Amino acid sequence: MTGTTTGVSWTQWTLEPIALLAIVVVGGLYLRGGAQGSAAPDQRRRGVALGASLVLLGIAVMSPLDVAAGRLASAHMVQHLLLGLVVAPLLVLAAPGPRVLRAVPRDVVARGMRIGRVLRIVPGPAWWRRMDVAWLANIAVLWGWHAAVPYDAALRNELVHVLQHGSWLLAGWLWWRVVLRHRTAQPGIRLLFVFTTAMATVFLAALMTFAGTAWYDGYRGIADTAGLTPLADQQLAGALMWVPGGLVYPATALWLLVGWLRAIDLESQQPRAAA
């Protein structure tokens, strides 16, 4: 993905070898792992979630949206929103890890675990389960990649571009895993986790939306079919970050709050039931 001075093409698809390989390998191993083991009661729901996540991942990084993202910051923002707010939670809900590993030869899994222990990347408890790691990773990816230097580097260099999207998806997966799967954390802590992330996102979105100058050199001088100046395009990108984030994070907090209140209600009814 590179910025050019030509118009945006909404019919051109791109081939991203790393993303395509990941989609094919994960999908293939998931199907093979299902054929080798017993299906869980909710396996159909998980399969649908995984299929949707892989399709949307392909749309995000290989559809005309990816071509447009090289010319429009707003299109690039849509990519990030798809990866962080849609693909990542779908992957968490799918939880394909056990089924994928079941399809991998046992000696390969054992060798990988040994290497992981030697490199201290699979300690217990695993680092990727920690709330502080998920929060810091999400904030670092959010703010770091929207700084001018790394953002422009991703526009110029395909490897940096892949690293940008990969880290965005990983940070999103870590974040949503805490929200959707972390059952040991106190509900109030999980609410604070969501609230502080929402505030960091809204603040960055406001800076982009109300900025008086364009931040990214990679979009300067680009004539696009939408007729947007680089500044207007950046402001639209900020608004796109603001509105979906303003909907997703409060909805997530409300879902956590309702679950918390239900748990309190059930706990209050238990003594009366015992009596």
Protein backbone atom coordinates (compact mmCIF):
# COMPACT_ATOMS: atom_id res chain seq x y z
CA MET A 1 0.00 0.00 0.00
CA THR A 2 1.59 3.27 -1.09
CA GLY A 3 0.24 6.76 -1.59
CA THR A 4 0.01 7.94 -5.19
CA THR A 5 -1.29 10.94 -7.06
CA THR A 6 -3.88 8.96 -8.95
CA GLY A 7 -7.55 8.63 -8.10
CA VAL A 8 -8.97 6.01 -5.81
CA SER A 9 -10.00 2.77 -7.51
CA TRP A 10 -12.89 0.96 -5.82
CA THR A 11 -12.63 -2.11 -8.05
CA GLN A 12 -8.99 -3.10 -7.61
CA TRP A 13 -8.21 -6.02 -5.31
CA THR A 14 -4.70 -6.64 -4.00
CA LEU A 15 -2.82 -9.80 -3.05
CA GLU A 16 -1.35 -9.70 0.45
CA PRO A 17 0.65 -12.96 0.66
CA ILE A 18 1.06 -12.95 4.46
CA ALA A 19 -2.62 -12.28 5.12
CA LEU A 20 -3.75 -14.78 2.49
CA LEU A 21 -1.41 -17.45 3.88
CA ALA A 22 -2.69 -16.83 7.42
CA ILE A 23 -6.33 -17.06 6.31
CA VAL A 24 -5.77 -20.29 4.36
CA VAL A 25 -3.64 -21.95 7.05
CA VAL A 26 -5.90 -21.06 9.98
CA GLY A 27 -9.05 -21.98 8.07
CA GLY A 28 -7.59 -25.25 6.83
CA LEU A 29 -6.25 -26.30 10.23
CA TYR A 30 -9.55 -25.38 11.87
CA LEU A 31 -11.49 -27.62 9.48
CA ARG A 32 -8.98 -30.44 9.87
CA GLY A 33 -9.00 -30.14 13.66
CA GLY A 34 -12.79 -30.40 13.69
CA ALA A 35 -12.64 -33.62 11.71
CA GLN A 36 -10.21 -35.15 14.22
CA GLY A 37 -12.04 -34.32 17.46
CA SER A 38 -15.46 -34.23 19.02
CA ALA A 39 -17.50 -31.10 18.35
CA ALA A 40 -18.29 -28.85 21.31
CA PRO A 41 -21.94 -27.84 21.84
CA ASP A 42 -21.21 -24.27 20.71
CA GLN A 43 -18.85 -25.28 17.90
CA ARG A 44 -21.19 -24.08 15.16
CA ARG A 45 -21.34 -20.59 16.66
CA ARG A 46 -17.56 -20.53 16.97
CA GLY A 47 -17.15 -21.72 13.40
CA VAL A 48 -19.39 -18.94 12.12
CA ALA A 49 -17.42 -16.39 14.14
CA LEU A 50 -14.11 -17.65 12.77
CA GLY A 51 -15.40 -17.73 9.19
CA ALA A 52 -16.71 -14.17 9.50
CA SER A 53 -13.43 -12.96 11.02
CA LEU A 54 -11.34 -14.48 8.20
CA VAL A 55 -13.63 -13.08 5.49
CA LEU A 56 -13.57 -9.61 7.06
CA LEU A 57 -9.80 -9.81 7.48
CA GLY A 58 -9.49 -10.48 3.76
CA ILE A 59 -11.82 -7.57 2.99
CA ALA A 60 -9.84 -5.25 5.25
CA VAL A 61 -6.41 -5.94 3.76
CA MET A 62 -7.01 -7.19 0.21
CA SER A 63 -10.17 -5.47 -1.06
CA PRO A 64 -10.34 -2.06 -2.82
CA LEU A 65 -10.43 -0.65 0.72
CA ASP A 66 -6.72 -1.44 1.03
CA VAL A 67 -5.96 0.37 -2.23
CA ALA A 68 -7.98 3.38 -1.07
CA ALA A 69 -6.15 3.34 2.27
CA GLY A 70 -2.95 4.22 0.42
CA ARG A 71 -4.59 7.44 -0.72
CA LEU A 72 -7.11 8.31 1.99
CA ALA A 73 -6.57 8.44 5.75
CA SER A 74 -10.31 7.88 6.18
CA ALA A 75 -10.13 4.57 4.29
CA HIS A 76 -7.10 3.61 6.37
CA MET A 77 -9.14 4.33 9.49
CA VAL A 78 -11.91 2.02 8.29
CA GLN A 79 -9.28 -0.72 7.96
CA HIS A 80 -8.17 -0.18 11.55
CA LEU A 81 -11.74 -0.17 12.84
CA LEU A 82 -12.49 -3.42 11.03
CA LEU A 83 -9.38 -5.08 12.45
CA GLY A 84 -9.68 -3.82 16.03
CA LEU A 85 -13.44 -3.60 16.59
CA VAL A 86 -14.80 -6.38 14.39
CA VAL A 87 -12.21 -9.01 13.39
CA ALA A 88 -10.49 -9.11 16.79
CA PRO A 89 -13.62 -9.76 18.92
CA LEU A 90 -14.84 -12.34 16.40
CA LEU A 91 -11.53 -14.19 16.79
CA VAL A 92 -11.93 -14.10 20.57
CA LEU A 93 -15.47 -15.49 20.32
CA ALA A 94 -14.31 -18.17 17.87
CA ALA A 95 -11.49 -19.31 20.18
CA PRO A 96 -9.96 -21.43 17.39
CA GLY A 97 -6.73 -22.24 19.26
CA PRO A 98 -7.54 -25.71 20.66
CA ARG A 99 -9.10 -26.93 17.42
CA VAL A 100 -6.25 -25.54 15.29
CA LEU A 101 -3.64 -27.12 17.57
CA ARG A 102 -5.45 -30.44 17.35
CA ALA A 103 -4.73 -30.45 13.61
CA VAL A 104 -1.01 -29.77 14.09
CA PRO A 105 1.27 -32.82 14.57
CA ARG A 106 1.98 -33.38 18.26
CA ASP A 107 5.76 -33.34 17.85
CA VAL A 108 5.54 -29.91 16.21
CA VAL A 109 3.40 -28.58 19.08
CA ALA A 110 5.78 -30.09 21.67
CA ARG A 111 8.81 -28.60 19.93
CA GLY A 112 7.12 -25.20 19.79
CA MET A 113 6.29 -25.35 23.49
CA ARG A 114 9.90 -26.21 24.35
CA ILE A 115 11.18 -23.30 22.28
CA GLY A 116 8.62 -21.04 23.95
CA ARG A 117 9.76 -22.06 27.41
CA VAL A 118 13.40 -21.51 26.50
CA LEU A 119 12.60 -18.04 25.15
CA ARG A 120 10.32 -17.39 28.16
CA ILE A 121 7.35 -16.48 25.96
CA VAL A 122 5.00 -19.04 27.52
CA PRO A 123 5.41 -18.39 31.28
CA GLY A 124 2.68 -19.02 33.77
CA PRO A 125 0.50 -17.15 34.10
CA ALA A 126 0.80 -16.30 30.41
CA TRP A 127 1.66 -12.66 29.74
CA TRP A 128 -1.05 -12.38 27.13
CA ARG A 129 -3.73 -13.00 29.75
CA ARG A 130 -2.81 -9.98 31.85
CA MET A 131 -5.08 -6.95 31.82
CA ASP A 132 -2.24 -4.44 32.10
CA VAL A 133 -0.48 -5.94 29.07
CA ALA A 134 -3.70 -5.81 27.01
CA TRP A 135 -4.39 -2.22 28.02
CA LEU A 136 -0.86 -0.98 27.38
CA ALA A 137 -0.64 -2.81 24.05
CA ASN A 138 -3.91 -1.30 22.86
CA ILE A 139 -2.97 2.25 23.87
CA ALA A 140 0.55 1.92 22.44
CA VAL A 141 -0.76 0.65 19.09
CA LEU A 142 -3.52 3.28 18.98
CA TRP A 143 -1.31 6.28 19.68
CA GLY A 144 1.96 4.97 18.29
CA TRP A 145 0.75 4.14 14.80
CA HIS A 146 -1.13 7.43 14.48
CA ALA A 147 2.02 9.43 15.11
CA ALA A 148 3.27 10.99 11.87
CA VAL A 149 6.61 9.16 11.50
CA PRO A 150 5.41 5.54 11.87
CA TYR A 151 2.20 6.27 9.95
CA ASP A 152 4.09 7.67 6.98
CA ALA A 153 6.54 4.78 7.19
CA ALA A 154 3.62 2.35 6.85
CA LEU A 155 2.47 4.23 3.74
CA ARG A 156 5.91 3.96 2.14
CA ASN A 157 7.03 0.47 3.17
CA GLU A 158 4.98 -2.68 2.71
CA LEU A 159 6.73 -4.55 5.53
CA VAL A 160 5.98 -1.74 7.98
CA HIS A 161 2.42 -1.72 6.66
CA VAL A 162 2.05 -5.45 7.45
CA LEU A 163 3.58 -4.89 10.90
CA GLN A 164 1.13 -2.05 11.53
CA HIS A 165 -1.94 -4.12 10.73
CA GLY A 166 -0.59 -7.21 12.48
CA SER A 167 0.05 -5.30 15.70
CA TRP A 168 -3.36 -3.65 15.43
CA LEU A 169 -5.07 -7.03 15.18
CA LEU A 170 -2.98 -8.55 17.99
CA ALA A 171 -3.63 -5.63 20.33
CA GLY A 172 -7.33 -5.81 19.55
CA TRP A 173 -7.35 -9.54 20.26
CA LEU A 174 -5.60 -9.03 23.61
CA TRP A 175 -8.05 -6.27 24.55
CA TRP A 176 -11.22 -8.14 23.61
CA ARG A 177 -9.96 -11.29 25.29
CA VAL A 178 -9.91 -9.41 28.58
CA VAL A 179 -13.40 -8.03 27.99
CA LEU A 180 -15.05 -11.22 26.74
CA ARG A 181 -13.05 -14.01 28.41
CA HIS A 182 -11.45 -12.63 31.58
CA ARG A 183 -13.75 -14.04 34.26
CA THR A 184 -11.49 -13.63 37.30
CA ALA A 185 -11.11 -9.84 37.20
CA GLN A 186 -13.45 -7.74 39.29
CA PRO A 187 -16.33 -6.29 37.20
CA GLY A 188 -15.44 -2.76 38.29
CA ILE A 189 -11.87 -3.23 37.07
CA ARG A 190 -13.12 -4.45 33.70
CA LEU A 191 -15.41 -1.41 33.45
CA LEU A 192 -12.46 0.86 34.23
CA PHE A 193 -10.45 -1.02 31.60
CA VAL A 194 -13.09 -0.20 28.95
CA PHE A 195 -13.65 3.39 30.15
CA THR A 196 -9.98 4.40 30.06
CA THR A 197 -9.55 2.88 26.60
CA ALA A 198 -12.60 4.79 25.40
CA MET A 199 -11.21 8.06 26.77
CA ALA A 200 -7.83 7.52 25.10
CA THR A 201 -9.56 6.78 21.79
CA VAL A 202 -11.91 9.75 21.97
CA PHE A 203 -9.05 12.12 22.86
CA LEU A 204 -6.99 11.00 19.87
CA ALA A 205 -10.05 11.18 17.61
CA ALA A 206 -10.74 14.72 18.79
CA LEU A 207 -7.15 15.77 18.05
CA MET A 208 -7.41 14.39 14.52
CA THR A 209 -10.87 15.86 13.91
CA PHE A 210 -10.13 19.39 15.11
CA ALA A 211 -6.53 19.60 13.89
CA GLY A 212 -5.70 22.74 11.94
CA THR A 213 -3.02 21.08 9.80
CA ALA A 214 -2.63 17.69 8.13
CA TRP A 215 -0.37 15.32 10.08
CA TYR A 216 0.75 12.89 7.39
CA ASP A 217 3.12 13.76 4.55
CA GLY A 218 2.17 10.57 2.70
CA TYR A 219 -1.21 12.04 1.78
CA ARG A 220 -0.02 15.53 0.83
CA GLY A 221 -0.65 16.56 -2.78
CA ILE A 222 -2.85 13.55 -3.48
CA ALA A 223 -5.73 14.22 -5.86
CA ASP A 224 -8.46 11.69 -5.18
CA THR A 225 -11.86 11.07 -6.65
CA ALA A 226 -13.57 12.01 -3.38
CA GLY A 227 -12.31 15.59 -3.73
CA LEU A 228 -10.99 15.76 -0.17
CA THR A 229 -8.01 17.83 0.90
CA PRO A 230 -5.50 16.01 3.13
CA LEU A 231 -6.77 17.97 6.14
CA ALA A 232 -10.45 17.23 5.43
CA ASP A 233 -9.57 13.58 4.86
CA GLN A 234 -7.75 13.44 8.21
CA GLN A 235 -10.68 15.11 9.96
CA LEU A 236 -13.04 12.54 8.44
CA ALA A 237 -10.72 9.79 9.71
CA GLY A 238 -10.89 11.28 13.20
CA ALA A 239 -14.69 11.40 13.03
CA LEU A 240 -14.78 7.77 11.93
CA MET A 241 -12.65 6.82 14.92
CA TRP A 242 -14.82 8.94 17.21
CA VAL A 243 -18.28 7.72 16.22
CA PRO A 244 -17.79 3.90 16.10
CA GLY A 245 -15.63 4.06 19.23
CA GLY A 246 -18.26 6.22 20.86
CA LEU A 247 -20.78 3.46 20.16
CA VAL A 248 -18.77 0.28 20.71
CA TYR A 249 -17.08 1.16 23.99
CA PRO A 250 -20.20 2.47 25.79
CA ALA A 251 -22.16 -0.56 24.52
CA THR A 252 -19.42 -2.84 25.85
CA ALA A 253 -19.40 -1.04 29.20
CA LEU A 254 -23.20 -1.32 29.39
CA TRP A 255 -22.99 -5.05 28.67
CA LEU A 256 -20.44 -5.48 31.47
CA LEU A 257 -22.55 -3.40 33.83
CA VAL A 258 -25.69 -5.43 33.13
CA GLY A 259 -23.75 -8.65 33.74
CA TRP A 260 -22.39 -7.25 36.98
CA LEU A 261 -25.85 -6.25 38.21
CA ARG A 262 -27.24 -9.67 37.31
CA ALA A 263 -24.45 -11.35 39.24
CA ILE A 264 -25.19 -9.16 42.27
CA ASP A 265 -28.88 -10.01 42.00
CA LEU A 266 -28.16 -13.74 41.84
CA GLU A 267 -25.85 -13.53 44.85
CA SER A 268 -28.52 -11.67 46.83
CA GLN A 269 -31.09 -14.36 46.01
CA GLN A 270 -28.92 -17.29 47.09
CA PRO A 271 -29.26 -16.74 50.88
CA ARG A 272 -33.06 -16.46 50.54
CA ALA A 273 -33.15 -19.66 48.46
CA ALA A 274 -31.05 -21.46 51.07
CA ALA A 275 -33.33 -20.20 53.85
